[in-house]
Amino acid sequence: MTIYKHTLMLCLLLFCAAACTRKTELLSNRPQPVMQDYLATQPELSLFGKALKKAGLDKDIRLQSGGPFTFFVPVDSAMIRAGFTEQVINNYDADKLAKILRYHILNGRLSSTTLVGNYTQDAFSLEPGRLPKVSRNFHGIFLNGITVTTPNVELGDGVLHKMNGISLLPGLDAYDLLQQHPDLTFMAYFVRHTDGWEERLREPDTLRWKGNGLERGFTFLAPTDEAFREEGYNTPEELMQEDPVYVRNLLGFYLIGGRWFISDWLDGVELSGYRRPALYALSTNPMGYFIQAGGLTFKTHYNLNVPRIIHSDIMADNGVLHIVDKVIKAGI
């Protein structure tokens, strides 16, 4: 009798194990949803799904090809912060909306398994001629400096990353962006009246060799008008007339090769003329400065009060602008 009970229990255990194995096999063989089907199951991505339909991309032949693609999808709260409510989406120009959405869809499968270590790539998006910057470091995955909050959602047509912001397409080069900003009239005046600087800030966003590496675009640090007034200058003409060489060298210490977002500087970085990211310093003095951990504050040789980036990651067609609350004194 005891042998019979043991045999019966063994059979039941074997049956259950076989059933569980079969269930696991069925689940593993179940096809993964494609992007649009996945969006339909995610309430926090509803606005991106509505935007796809408004732009006509839900019927886009290329997206229906199976990819693989990498989808950087802003959550609804990020869409709303950027002004893309459901009402705005319904009334938005379909072609312009399609350009923004295609900018968030990249060719290939980019996930934590392919973005290894400290990694950056100017990736080809589905919007022609637009290459957003994808980066990964100890702090996570980023698209143009915007944080991915939920990475690596595997799909049948690629991989999806949920993010807490939306990357709008810039419409101005760095020169025009600077000229139109109401709080940067000093810097706008300096680049207008210093030889070669308008051309430099209008350089197209193309891959080129600069000094010690390949780079695309540039990064410009711009102190506010108030920062110059704190130094005793009421107008840009006063400073320009007093020391034009100082102004030229100052500009060189504020222009950095390559597109660098705050997310690239979270662990801190040294800026000088000898390493990447490299300064376009026009002075013979090689002294640079440090951006401290967190990516927002500076350590310099001569500033008594710590300069701080107060408005970051402003994108131009050919680079990135960061606004600073102090004149950075780097021994120039």
C-alpha atoms as a PDB file:
ATOM      1  CA  MET A   1       0.000   0.000   0.000  1.00  0.00           C
ATOM      2  CA  THR A   2       2.819   2.367   0.879  1.00  0.00           C
ATOM      3  CA  ILE A   3       4.583   1.576  -2.421  1.00  0.00           C
ATOM      4  CA  TYR A   4       1.325   2.316  -4.280  1.00  0.00           C
ATOM      5  CA  LYS A   5       0.958   5.736  -2.586  1.00  0.00           C
ATOM      6  CA  HIS A   6       4.544   6.646  -3.354  1.00  0.00           C
ATOM      7  CA  THR A   7       4.105   5.601  -6.964  1.00  0.00           C
ATOM      8  CA  LEU A   8       0.904   7.648  -7.261  1.00  0.00           C
ATOM      9  CA  MET A   9       2.594  10.734  -5.788  1.00  0.00           C
ATOM     10  CA  LEU A  10       5.527  10.346  -8.160  1.00  0.00           C
ATOM     11  CA  CYS A  11       3.160  10.143 -11.139  1.00  0.00           C
ATOM     12  CA  LEU A  12       1.333  13.281 -10.017  1.00  0.00           C
ATOM     13  CA  LEU A  13       4.604  15.162  -9.620  1.00  0.00           C
ATOM     14  CA  LEU A  14       5.793  14.077 -13.059  1.00  0.00           C
ATOM     15  CA  PHE A  15       2.439  15.130 -14.552  1.00  0.00           C
ATOM     16  CA  CYS A  16       2.596  18.563 -12.934  1.00  0.00           C
ATOM     17  CA  ALA A  17       6.199  19.037 -14.047  1.00  0.00           C
ATOM     18  CA  ALA A  18       5.301  18.128 -17.614  1.00  0.00           C
ATOM     19  CA  ALA A  19       2.323  20.499 -17.569  1.00  0.00           C
ATOM     20  CA  CYS A  20       4.438  23.376 -16.240  1.00  0.00           C
ATOM     21  CA  THR A  21       7.123  22.713 -18.833  1.00  0.00           C
ATOM     22  CA  ARG A  22       4.498  22.704 -21.570  1.00  0.00           C
ATOM     23  CA  LYS A  23       3.013  25.966 -20.273  1.00  0.00           C
ATOM     24  CA  THR A  24       6.474  27.570 -20.187  1.00  0.00           C
ATOM     25  CA  GLU A  25       7.145  26.425 -23.751  1.00  0.00           C
ATOM     26  CA  LEU A  26       3.840  27.885 -24.929  1.00  0.00           C
ATOM     27  CA  LEU A  27       4.576  31.206 -23.242  1.00  0.00           C
ATOM     28  CA  SER A  28       8.115  31.354 -24.632  1.00  0.00           C
ATOM     29  CA  ASN A  29       6.897  30.546 -28.137  1.00  0.00           C
ATOM     30  CA  ARG A  30       4.169  33.165 -28.023  1.00  0.00           C
ATOM     31  CA  PRO A  31       5.057  35.923 -30.514  1.00  0.00           C
ATOM     32  CA  GLN A  32       6.064  39.236 -28.977  1.00  0.00           C
ATOM     33  CA  PRO A  33       3.764  42.171 -29.731  1.00  0.00           C
ATOM     34  CA  VAL A  34       4.834  44.760 -32.267  1.00  0.00           C
ATOM     35  CA  MET A  35       5.175  48.371 -31.193  1.00  0.00           C
ATOM     36  CA  GLN A  36       1.638  49.529 -31.998  1.00  0.00           C
ATOM     37  CA  ASP A  37       0.034  46.530 -30.291  1.00  0.00           C
ATOM     38  CA  TYR A  38       2.212  47.103 -27.243  1.00  0.00           C
ATOM     39  CA  LEU A  39       1.235  50.796 -27.058  1.00  0.00           C
ATOM     40  CA  ALA A  40      -2.423  49.757 -26.944  1.00  0.00           C
ATOM     41  CA  THR A  41      -1.742  47.860 -23.696  1.00  0.00           C
ATOM     42  CA  GLN A  42       0.112  50.726 -21.987  1.00  0.00           C
ATOM     43  CA  PRO A  43      -2.100  53.523 -20.602  1.00  0.00           C
ATOM     44  CA  GLU A  44       0.935  55.714 -19.860  1.00  0.00           C
ATOM     45  CA  LEU A  45       1.884  55.713 -23.575  1.00  0.00           C
ATOM     46  CA  SER A  46      -1.555  56.584 -24.918  1.00  0.00           C
ATOM     47  CA  LEU A  47      -0.622  60.049 -26.219  1.00  0.00           C
ATOM     48  CA  PHE A  48       2.253  58.708 -28.289  1.00  0.00           C
ATOM     49  CA  GLY A  49      -0.153  56.177 -29.786  1.00  0.00           C
ATOM     50  CA  LYS A  50      -2.680  58.925 -30.582  1.00  0.00           C
ATOM     51  CA  ALA A  51       0.105  60.997 -32.134  1.00  0.00           C
ATOM     52  CA  LEU A  52       1.114  58.080 -34.368  1.00  0.00           C
ATOM     53  CA  LYS A  53      -2.441  57.829 -35.689  1.00  0.00           C
ATOM     54  CA  LYS A  54      -2.774  61.598 -36.173  1.00  0.00           C
ATOM     55  CA  ALA A  55       0.498  61.638 -38.143  1.00  0.00           C
ATOM     56  CA  GLY A  56      -0.549  58.638 -40.232  1.00  0.00           C
ATOM     57  CA  LEU A  57       2.388  56.557 -39.036  1.00  0.00           C
ATOM     58  CA  ASP A  58       0.116  53.782 -37.806  1.00  0.00           C
ATOM     59  CA  LYS A  59      -0.186  52.824 -41.499  1.00  0.00           C
ATOM     60  CA  ASP A  60       3.409  53.614 -42.449  1.00  0.00           C
ATOM     61  CA  ILE A  61       4.759  50.868 -44.717  1.00  0.00           C
ATOM     62  CA  ARG A  62       8.278  51.125 -43.340  1.00  0.00           C
ATOM     63  CA  LEU A  63       7.120  50.691 -39.752  1.00  0.00           C
ATOM     64  CA  GLN A  64       5.088  47.691 -40.826  1.00  0.00           C
ATOM     65  CA  SER A  65       8.159  46.055 -42.376  1.00  0.00           C
ATOM     66  CA  GLY A  66       9.126  44.418 -39.088  1.00  0.00           C
ATOM     67  CA  GLY A  67      12.260  46.432 -38.438  1.00  0.00           C
ATOM     68  CA  PRO A  68      14.072  45.969 -36.248  1.00  0.00           C
ATOM     69  CA  PHE A  69      13.698  49.473 -34.817  1.00  0.00           C
ATOM     70  CA  THR A  70      14.476  51.175 -31.545  1.00  0.00           C
ATOM     71  CA  PHE A  71      11.522  53.169 -30.231  1.00  0.00           C
ATOM     72  CA  PHE A  72      12.154  55.956 -27.711  1.00  0.00           C
ATOM     73  CA  VAL A  73       8.642  56.666 -26.460  1.00  0.00           C
ATOM     74  CA  PRO A  74       7.841  59.572 -24.109  1.00  0.00           C
ATOM     75  CA  VAL A  75       5.363  58.741 -21.369  1.00  0.00           C
ATOM     76  CA  ASP A  76       2.144  60.750 -21.252  1.00  0.00           C
ATOM     77  CA  SER A  77       3.347  63.052 -18.467  1.00  0.00           C
ATOM     78  CA  ALA A  78       6.362  64.005 -20.605  1.00  0.00           C
ATOM     79  CA  MET A  79       4.158  64.636 -23.639  1.00  0.00           C
ATOM     80  CA  ILE A  80       1.886  66.893 -21.578  1.00  0.00           C
ATOM     81  CA  ARG A  81       4.860  68.847 -20.120  1.00  0.00           C
ATOM     82  CA  ALA A  82       5.997  69.526 -23.671  1.00  0.00           C
ATOM     83  CA  GLY A  83       2.518  70.787 -24.559  1.00  0.00           C
ATOM     84  CA  PHE A  84       1.278  67.713 -26.412  1.00  0.00           C
ATOM     85  CA  THR A  85      -2.098  67.183 -24.812  1.00  0.00           C
ATOM     86  CA  GLU A  86      -4.709  65.122 -26.633  1.00  0.00           C
ATOM     87  CA  GLN A  87      -6.400  68.293 -27.876  1.00  0.00           C
ATOM     88  CA  VAL A  88      -3.125  69.733 -29.163  1.00  0.00           C
ATOM     89  CA  ILE A  89      -2.277  66.464 -30.914  1.00  0.00           C
ATOM     90  CA  ASN A  90      -5.684  66.375 -32.613  1.00  0.00           C
ATOM     91  CA  ASN A  91      -5.111  69.892 -33.994  1.00  0.00           C
ATOM     92  CA  TYR A  92      -1.391  69.535 -34.779  1.00  0.00           C
ATOM     93  CA  ASP A  93      -0.080  69.603 -38.329  1.00  0.00           C
ATOM     94  CA  ALA A  94       0.253  65.940 -39.320  1.00  0.00           C
ATOM     95  CA  ASP A  95       3.484  66.368 -41.311  1.00  0.00           C
ATOM     96  CA  LYS A  96       5.240  68.271 -38.513  1.00  0.00           C
ATOM     97  CA  LEU A  97       4.054  65.728 -35.980  1.00  0.00           C
ATOM     98  CA  ALA A  98       5.352  62.879 -38.134  1.00  0.00           C
ATOM     99  CA  LYS A  99       8.813  64.479 -38.225  1.00  0.00           C
ATOM    100  CA  ILE A 100       8.944  64.624 -34.416  1.00  0.00           C
ATOM    101  CA  LEU A 101       7.794  61.016 -34.039  1.00  0.00           C
ATOM    102  CA  ARG A 102      10.173  59.645 -36.685  1.00  0.00           C
ATOM    103  CA  TYR A 103      13.003  61.416 -34.824  1.00  0.00           C
ATOM    104  CA  HIS A 104      12.277  59.092 -31.880  1.00  0.00           C
ATOM    105  CA  ILE A 105      12.434  55.919 -33.987  1.00  0.00           C
ATOM    106  CA  LEU A 106      15.898  54.628 -34.862  1.00  0.00           C
ATOM    107  CA  ASN A 107      17.108  51.949 -37.211  1.00  0.00           C
ATOM    108  CA  GLY A 108      18.354  48.762 -35.589  1.00  0.00           C
ATOM    109  CA  ARG A 109      17.978  47.317 -32.115  1.00  0.00           C
ATOM    110  CA  LEU A 110      19.736  49.423 -29.464  1.00  0.00           C
ATOM    111  CA  SER A 111      19.342  48.086 -25.940  1.00  0.00           C
ATOM    112  CA  SER A 112      21.430  47.460 -22.833  1.00  0.00           C
ATOM    113  CA  THR A 113      22.867  44.368 -24.500  1.00  0.00           C
ATOM    114  CA  THR A 114      24.163  46.335 -27.492  1.00  0.00           C
ATOM    115  CA  LEU A 115      25.018  49.617 -25.714  1.00  0.00           C
ATOM    116  CA  VAL A 116      27.952  48.302 -23.716  1.00  0.00           C
ATOM    117  CA  GLY A 117      29.843  50.347 -21.114  1.00  0.00           C
ATOM    118  CA  ASN A 118      30.154  54.103 -21.590  1.00  0.00           C
ATOM    119  CA  TYR A 119      28.719  54.328 -25.069  1.00  0.00           C
ATOM    120  CA  THR A 120      27.613  57.130 -27.372  1.00  0.00           C
ATOM    121  CA  GLN A 121      26.319  56.982 -30.915  1.00  0.00           C
ATOM    122  CA  ASP A 122      24.835  59.453 -33.362  1.00  0.00           C
ATOM    123  CA  ALA A 123      22.125  57.110 -34.573  1.00  0.00           C
ATOM    124  CA  PHE A 124      20.141  57.238 -37.790  1.00  0.00           C
ATOM    125  CA  SER A 125      16.495  58.003 -37.148  1.00  0.00           C
ATOM    126  CA  LEU A 126      13.614  57.488 -39.550  1.00  0.00           C
ATOM    127  CA  GLU A 127      13.520  61.261 -40.034  1.00  0.00           C
ATOM    128  CA  PRO A 128      15.931  61.873 -42.949  1.00  0.00           C
ATOM    129  CA  GLY A 129      19.080  63.772 -42.071  1.00  0.00           C
ATOM    130  CA  ARG A 130      18.465  63.703 -38.320  1.00  0.00           C
ATOM    131  CA  LEU A 131      20.855  61.827 -36.035  1.00  0.00           C
ATOM    132  CA  PRO A 132      19.886  61.979 -32.367  1.00  0.00           C
ATOM    133  CA  LYS A 133      22.571  61.117 -29.858  1.00  0.00           C
ATOM    134  CA  VAL A 134      22.091  57.855 -27.964  1.00  0.00           C
ATOM    135  CA  SER A 135      24.276  57.361 -24.916  1.00  0.00           C
ATOM    136  CA  ARG A 136      24.681  54.952 -22.068  1.00  0.00           C
ATOM    137  CA  ASN A 137      26.690  55.328 -18.888  1.00  0.00           C
ATOM    138  CA  PHE A 138      26.517  54.226 -15.262  1.00  0.00           C
ATOM    139  CA  HIS A 139      23.391  56.362 -14.799  1.00  0.00           C
ATOM    140  CA  GLY A 140      21.311  54.849 -17.596  1.00  0.00           C
ATOM    141  CA  ILE A 141      20.352  55.229 -21.244  1.00  0.00           C
ATOM    142  CA  PHE A 142      19.660  58.647 -22.775  1.00  0.00           C
ATOM    143  CA  LEU A 143      18.365  60.118 -26.022  1.00  0.00           C
ATOM    144  CA  ASN A 144      19.692  63.650 -26.549  1.00  0.00           C
ATOM    145  CA  GLY A 145      20.246  63.822 -22.801  1.00  0.00           C
ATOM    146  CA  ILE A 146      16.698  62.704 -21.928  1.00  0.00           C
ATOM    147  CA  THR A 147      16.512  59.892 -19.384  1.00  0.00           C
ATOM    148  CA  VAL A 148      15.099  56.497 -20.247  1.00  0.00           C
ATOM    149  CA  THR A 149      12.917  55.426 -17.313  1.00  0.00           C
ATOM    150  CA  THR A 150      11.982  51.922 -18.470  1.00  0.00           C
ATOM    151  CA  PRO A 151      14.524  50.364 -20.847  1.00  0.00           C
ATOM    152  CA  ASN A 152      14.654  47.253 -22.997  1.00  0.00           C
ATOM    153  CA  VAL A 153      11.035  46.324 -23.685  1.00  0.00           C
ATOM    154  CA  GLU A 154      11.514  43.575 -26.257  1.00  0.00           C
ATOM    155  CA  LEU A 155       9.060  43.683 -29.169  1.00  0.00           C
ATOM    156  CA  GLY A 156       8.466  41.684 -32.285  1.00  0.00           C
ATOM    157  CA  ASP A 157       9.688  44.605 -34.403  1.00  0.00           C
ATOM    158  CA  GLY A 158      12.501  45.843 -32.176  1.00  0.00           C
ATOM    159  CA  VAL A 159      12.974  47.251 -28.697  1.00  0.00           C
ATOM    160  CA  LEU A 160      11.195  50.078 -26.864  1.00  0.00           C
ATOM    161  CA  HIS A 161      12.460  52.481 -24.205  1.00  0.00           C
ATOM    162  CA  LYS A 162      10.085  54.616 -22.169  1.00  0.00           C
ATOM    163  CA  MET A 163      11.500  58.081 -21.480  1.00  0.00           C
ATOM    164  CA  ASN A 164      10.611  61.081 -19.325  1.00  0.00           C
ATOM    165  CA  GLY A 165      10.912  63.752 -22.021  1.00  0.00           C
ATOM    166  CA  ILE A 166      10.377  64.438 -25.697  1.00  0.00           C
ATOM    167  CA  SER A 167      13.141  65.580 -28.030  1.00  0.00           C
ATOM    168  CA  LEU A 168      11.762  68.293 -30.285  1.00  0.00           C
ATOM    169  CA  LEU A 169      13.439  68.994 -33.599  1.00  0.00           C
ATOM    170  CA  PRO A 170      15.562  72.141 -33.470  1.00  0.00           C
ATOM    171  CA  GLY A 171      14.875  74.724 -36.122  1.00  0.00           C
ATOM    172  CA  LEU A 172      17.803  77.143 -35.774  1.00  0.00           C
ATOM    173  CA  ASP A 173      21.570  76.903 -35.963  1.00  0.00           C
ATOM    174  CA  ALA A 174      23.578  77.940 -32.892  1.00  0.00           C
ATOM    175  CA  TYR A 175      24.235  81.458 -34.213  1.00  0.00           C
ATOM    176  CA  ASP A 176      20.570  82.276 -34.767  1.00  0.00           C
ATOM    177  CA  LEU A 177      19.580  80.595 -31.500  1.00  0.00           C
ATOM    178  CA  LEU A 178      22.010  82.821 -29.642  1.00  0.00           C
ATOM    179  CA  GLN A 179      20.869  85.977 -31.449  1.00  0.00           C
ATOM    180  CA  GLN A 180      17.222  85.370 -30.600  1.00  0.00           C
ATOM    181  CA  HIS A 181      17.624  84.588 -26.890  1.00  0.00           C
ATOM    182  CA  PRO A 182      16.532  87.585 -24.779  1.00  0.00           C
ATOM    183  CA  ASP A 183      18.969  86.905 -21.904  1.00  0.00           C
ATOM    184  CA  LEU A 184      22.091  86.379 -24.025  1.00  0.00           C
ATOM    185  CA  THR A 185      22.505  89.755 -25.748  1.00  0.00           C
ATOM    186  CA  PHE A 186      26.119  90.133 -24.532  1.00  0.00           C
ATOM    187  CA  MET A 187      27.192  86.822 -26.066  1.00  0.00           C
ATOM    188  CA  ALA A 188      25.165  87.519 -29.201  1.00  0.00           C
ATOM    189  CA  TYR A 189      26.981  90.838 -29.604  1.00  0.00           C
ATOM    190  CA  PHE A 190      30.396  89.237 -29.077  1.00  0.00           C
ATOM    191  CA  VAL A 191      29.923  86.595 -31.788  1.00  0.00           C
ATOM    192  CA  ARG A 192      28.562  89.222 -34.206  1.00  0.00           C
ATOM    193  CA  HIS A 193      31.603  91.433 -33.736  1.00  0.00           C
ATOM    194  CA  THR A 194      34.408  88.869 -33.479  1.00  0.00           C
ATOM    195  CA  ASP A 195      35.961  87.668 -36.740  1.00  0.00           C
ATOM    196  CA  GLY A 196      35.107  84.106 -37.720  1.00  0.00           C
ATOM    197  CA  TRP A 197      32.564  83.415 -35.015  1.00  0.00           C
ATOM    198  CA  GLU A 198      29.387  83.705 -37.045  1.00  0.00           C
ATOM    199  CA  GLU A 199      30.826  81.210 -39.523  1.00  0.00           C
ATOM    200  CA  ARG A 200      31.896  78.907 -36.702  1.00  0.00           C
ATOM    201  CA  LEU A 201      28.437  78.889 -35.094  1.00  0.00           C
ATOM    202  CA  ARG A 202      26.807  78.278 -38.454  1.00  0.00           C
ATOM    203  CA  GLU A 203      28.943  75.249 -39.321  1.00  0.00           C
ATOM    204  CA  PRO A 204      26.674  72.390 -40.429  1.00  0.00           C
ATOM    205  CA  ASP A 205      26.191  69.359 -38.222  1.00  0.00           C
ATOM    206  CA  THR A 206      28.553  67.028 -40.050  1.00  0.00           C
ATOM    207  CA  LEU A 207      31.003  64.444 -38.779  1.00  0.00           C
ATOM    208  CA  ARG A 208      34.551  65.801 -38.836  1.00  0.00           C
ATOM    209  CA  TRP A 209      37.978  65.246 -37.370  1.00  0.00           C
ATOM    210  CA  LYS A 210      38.838  67.820 -34.739  1.00  0.00           C
ATOM    211  CA  GLY A 211      42.097  67.679 -32.831  1.00  0.00           C
ATOM    212  CA  ASN A 212      42.089  64.311 -31.089  1.00  0.00           C
ATOM    213  CA  GLY A 213      38.925  62.625 -32.330  1.00  0.00           C
ATOM    214  CA  LEU A 214      35.850  62.502 -34.513  1.00  0.00           C
ATOM    215  CA  GLU A 215      32.994  64.739 -33.471  1.00  0.00           C
ATOM    216  CA  ARG A 216      29.668  66.018 -34.695  1.00  0.00           C
ATOM    217  CA  GLY A 217      28.516  69.548 -33.954  1.00  0.00           C
ATOM    218  CA  PHE A 218      29.594  71.466 -30.863  1.00  0.00           C
ATOM    219  CA  THR A 219      28.495  72.621 -27.428  1.00  0.00           C
ATOM    220  CA  PHE A 220      28.367  76.287 -26.427  1.00  0.00           C
ATOM    221  CA  LEU A 221      28.334  77.628 -22.875  1.00  0.00           C
ATOM    222  CA  ALA A 222      26.683  81.051 -22.710  1.00  0.00           C
ATOM    223  CA  PRO A 223      26.742  83.292 -19.604  1.00  0.00           C
ATOM    224  CA  THR A 224      23.658  85.434 -19.120  1.00  0.00           C
ATOM    225  CA  ASP A 225      23.593  89.201 -19.489  1.00  0.00           C
ATOM    226  CA  GLU A 226      23.278  89.463 -15.711  1.00  0.00           C
ATOM    227  CA  ALA A 227      26.512  87.480 -15.329  1.00  0.00           C
ATOM    228  CA  PHE A 228      28.411  90.147 -17.282  1.00  0.00           C
ATOM    229  CA  ARG A 229      26.717  92.947 -15.361  1.00  0.00           C
ATOM    230  CA  GLU A 230      27.944  91.326 -12.136  1.00  0.00           C
ATOM    231  CA  GLU A 231      31.464  91.767 -13.573  1.00  0.00           C
ATOM    232  CA  GLY A 232      30.835  95.512 -13.862  1.00  0.00           C
ATOM    233  CA  TYR A 233      29.849  95.804 -17.526  1.00  0.00           C
ATOM    234  CA  ASN A 234      26.547  97.502 -18.321  1.00  0.00           C
ATOM    235  CA  THR A 235      26.717  96.897 -22.076  1.00  0.00           C
ATOM    236  CA  PRO A 236      28.634  94.480 -24.317  1.00  0.00           C
ATOM    237  CA  GLU A 237      30.215  97.470 -26.063  1.00  0.00           C
ATOM    238  CA  GLU A 238      31.993  98.431 -22.831  1.00  0.00           C
ATOM    239  CA  LEU A 239      33.742  95.064 -22.578  1.00  0.00           C
ATOM    240  CA  MET A 240      34.439  94.826 -26.311  1.00  0.00           C
ATOM    241  CA  GLN A 241      36.115  98.236 -26.381  1.00  0.00           C
ATOM    242  CA  GLU A 242      38.100  97.585 -23.215  1.00  0.00           C
ATOM    243  CA  ASP A 243      39.692  94.287 -24.213  1.00  0.00           C
ATOM    244  CA  PRO A 244      38.739  92.655 -27.563  1.00  0.00           C
ATOM    245  CA  VAL A 245      41.461  90.006 -27.117  1.00  0.00           C
ATOM    246  CA  TYR A 246      39.859  88.943 -23.841  1.00  0.00           C
ATOM    247  CA  VAL A 247      36.502  88.581 -25.604  1.00  0.00           C
ATOM    248  CA  ARG A 248      37.996  86.460 -28.392  1.00  0.00           C
ATOM    249  CA  ASN A 249      39.729  84.170 -25.913  1.00  0.00           C
ATOM    250  CA  LEU A 250      36.619  84.024 -23.736  1.00  0.00           C
ATOM    251  CA  LEU A 251      34.576  82.751 -26.659  1.00  0.00           C
ATOM    252  CA  GLY A 252      37.157  80.053 -27.318  1.00  0.00           C
ATOM    253  CA  PHE A 253      36.846  78.771 -23.760  1.00  0.00           C
ATOM    254  CA  TYR A 254      33.064  78.521 -24.090  1.00  0.00           C
ATOM    255  CA  LEU A 255      32.948  76.469 -27.284  1.00  0.00           C
ATOM    256  CA  ILE A 256      33.390  72.695 -26.915  1.00  0.00           C
ATOM    257  CA  GLY A 257      33.827  70.195 -29.716  1.00  0.00           C
ATOM    258  CA  GLY A 258      30.982  67.677 -30.081  1.00  0.00           C
ATOM    259  CA  ARG A 259      27.406  67.567 -28.823  1.00  0.00           C
ATOM    260  CA  TRP A 260      27.491  67.167 -25.034  1.00  0.00           C
ATOM    261  CA  PHE A 261      24.418  66.937 -22.846  1.00  0.00           C
ATOM    262  CA  ILE A 262      24.264  67.148 -19.050  1.00  0.00           C
ATOM    263  CA  SER A 263      23.792  63.375 -18.963  1.00  0.00           C
ATOM    264  CA  ASP A 264      27.293  63.013 -20.463  1.00  0.00           C
ATOM    265  CA  TRP A 265      28.802  64.983 -17.554  1.00  0.00           C
ATOM    266  CA  LEU A 266      27.046  63.370 -14.595  1.00  0.00           C
ATOM    267  CA  ASP A 267      30.328  61.918 -13.327  1.00  0.00           C
ATOM    268  CA  GLY A 268      32.198  65.172 -13.917  1.00  0.00           C
ATOM    269  CA  VAL A 269      34.655  66.037 -16.688  1.00  0.00           C
ATOM    270  CA  GLU A 270      37.746  68.121 -17.306  1.00  0.00           C
ATOM    271  CA  LEU A 271      37.499  70.596 -20.162  1.00  0.00           C
ATOM    272  CA  SER A 272      40.760  71.650 -21.772  1.00  0.00           C
ATOM    273  CA  GLY A 273      42.344  71.945 -25.183  1.00  0.00           C
ATOM    274  CA  TYR A 274      44.102  68.597 -24.945  1.00  0.00           C
ATOM    275  CA  ARG A 275      41.396  65.970 -24.491  1.00  0.00           C
ATOM    276  CA  ARG A 276      37.832  65.238 -25.446  1.00  0.00           C
ATOM    277  CA  PRO A 277      35.556  67.014 -24.872  1.00  0.00           C
ATOM    278  CA  ALA A 278      38.001  69.638 -26.168  1.00  0.00           C
ATOM    279  CA  LEU A 279      37.754  73.410 -25.859  1.00  0.00           C
ATOM    280  CA  TYR A 280      38.210  75.571 -28.926  1.00  0.00           C
ATOM    281  CA  ALA A 281      40.467  77.763 -26.778  1.00  0.00           C
ATOM    282  CA  LEU A 282      42.031  80.536 -28.856  1.00  0.00           C
ATOM    283  CA  SER A 283      44.393  81.631 -26.102  1.00  0.00           C
ATOM    284  CA  THR A 284      47.940  80.351 -25.769  1.00  0.00           C
ATOM    285  CA  ASN A 285      47.093  79.599 -22.126  1.00  0.00           C
ATOM    286  CA  PRO A 286      46.164  75.884 -21.964  1.00  0.00           C
ATOM    287  CA  MET A 287      44.278  76.216 -18.687  1.00  0.00           C
ATOM    288  CA  GLY A 288      40.736  74.866 -18.718  1.00  0.00           C
ATOM    289  CA  TYR A 289      38.202  74.060 -16.021  1.00  0.00           C
ATOM    290  CA  PHE A 290      36.155  71.234 -14.563  1.00  0.00           C
ATOM    291  CA  ILE A 291      32.490  70.408 -14.665  1.00  0.00           C
ATOM    292  CA  GLN A 292      31.796  68.703 -11.372  1.00  0.00           C
ATOM    293  CA  ALA A 293      29.781  65.540 -10.706  1.00  0.00           C
ATOM    294  CA  GLY A 294      26.132  66.155 -11.431  1.00  0.00           C
ATOM    295  CA  GLY A 295      26.990  68.023 -14.625  1.00  0.00           C
ATOM    296  CA  LEU A 296      25.736  71.454 -13.566  1.00  0.00           C
ATOM    297  CA  THR A 297      28.471  73.220 -11.578  1.00  0.00           C
ATOM    298  CA  PHE A 298      31.984  74.334 -12.487  1.00  0.00           C
ATOM    299  CA  LYS A 299      35.312  74.267 -10.703  1.00  0.00           C
ATOM    300  CA  THR A 300      37.590  76.980 -12.071  1.00  0.00           C
ATOM    301  CA  HIS A 301      40.815  78.682 -11.071  1.00  0.00           C
ATOM    302  CA  TYR A 302      39.519  82.201 -10.550  1.00  0.00           C
ATOM    303  CA  ASN A 303      35.788  82.172  -9.844  1.00  0.00           C
ATOM    304  CA  LEU A 304      35.004  83.050  -6.222  1.00  0.00           C
ATOM    305  CA  ASN A 305      31.361  82.077  -6.703  1.00  0.00           C
ATOM    306  CA  VAL A 306      30.676  78.745  -8.383  1.00  0.00           C
ATOM    307  CA  PRO A 307      29.284  79.095 -11.925  1.00  0.00           C
ATOM    308  CA  ARG A 308      26.227  76.939 -12.552  1.00  0.00           C
ATOM    309  CA  ILE A 309      24.333  75.803 -15.629  1.00  0.00           C
ATOM    310  CA  ILE A 310      20.808  77.133 -15.138  1.00  0.00           C
ATOM    311  CA  HIS A 311      19.240  76.097 -18.461  1.00  0.00           C
ATOM    312  CA  SER A 312      20.627  73.004 -20.116  1.00  0.00           C
ATOM    313  CA  ASP A 313      20.370  70.911 -23.269  1.00  0.00           C
ATOM    314  CA  ILE A 314      18.964  73.579 -25.593  1.00  0.00           C
ATOM    315  CA  MET A 315      19.307  72.021 -29.010  1.00  0.00           C
ATOM    316  CA  ALA A 316      20.351  73.788 -32.199  1.00  0.00           C
ATOM    317  CA  ASP A 317      20.560  72.229 -35.645  1.00  0.00           C
ATOM    318  CA  ASN A 318      24.329  72.005 -35.266  1.00  0.00           C
ATOM    319  CA  GLY A 319      24.927  71.704 -31.541  1.00  0.00           C
ATOM    320  CA  VAL A 320      23.816  72.136 -27.946  1.00  0.00           C
ATOM    321  CA  LEU A 321      23.574  75.306 -25.830  1.00  0.00           C
ATOM    322  CA  HIS A 322      23.875  75.516 -22.025  1.00  0.00           C
ATOM    323  CA  ILE A 323      23.160  78.807 -20.231  1.00  0.00           C
ATOM    324  CA  VAL A 324      25.436  79.684 -17.292  1.00  0.00           C
ATOM    325  CA  ASP A 325      24.767  82.126 -14.436  1.00  0.00           C
ATOM    326  CA  LYS A 326      28.372  83.379 -14.093  1.00  0.00           C
ATOM    327  CA  VAL A 327      31.229  84.376 -16.342  1.00  0.00           C
ATOM    328  CA  ILE A 328      33.564  81.363 -16.305  1.00  0.00           C
ATOM    329  CA  LYS A 329      37.099  82.445 -15.424  1.00  0.00           C
ATOM    330  CA  ALA A 330      39.466  79.816 -16.731  1.00  0.00           C
ATOM    331  CA  GLY A 331      42.736  81.697 -16.480  1.00  0.00           C
ATOM    332  CA  ILE A 332      42.254  83.516 -19.763  1.00  0.00           C
END
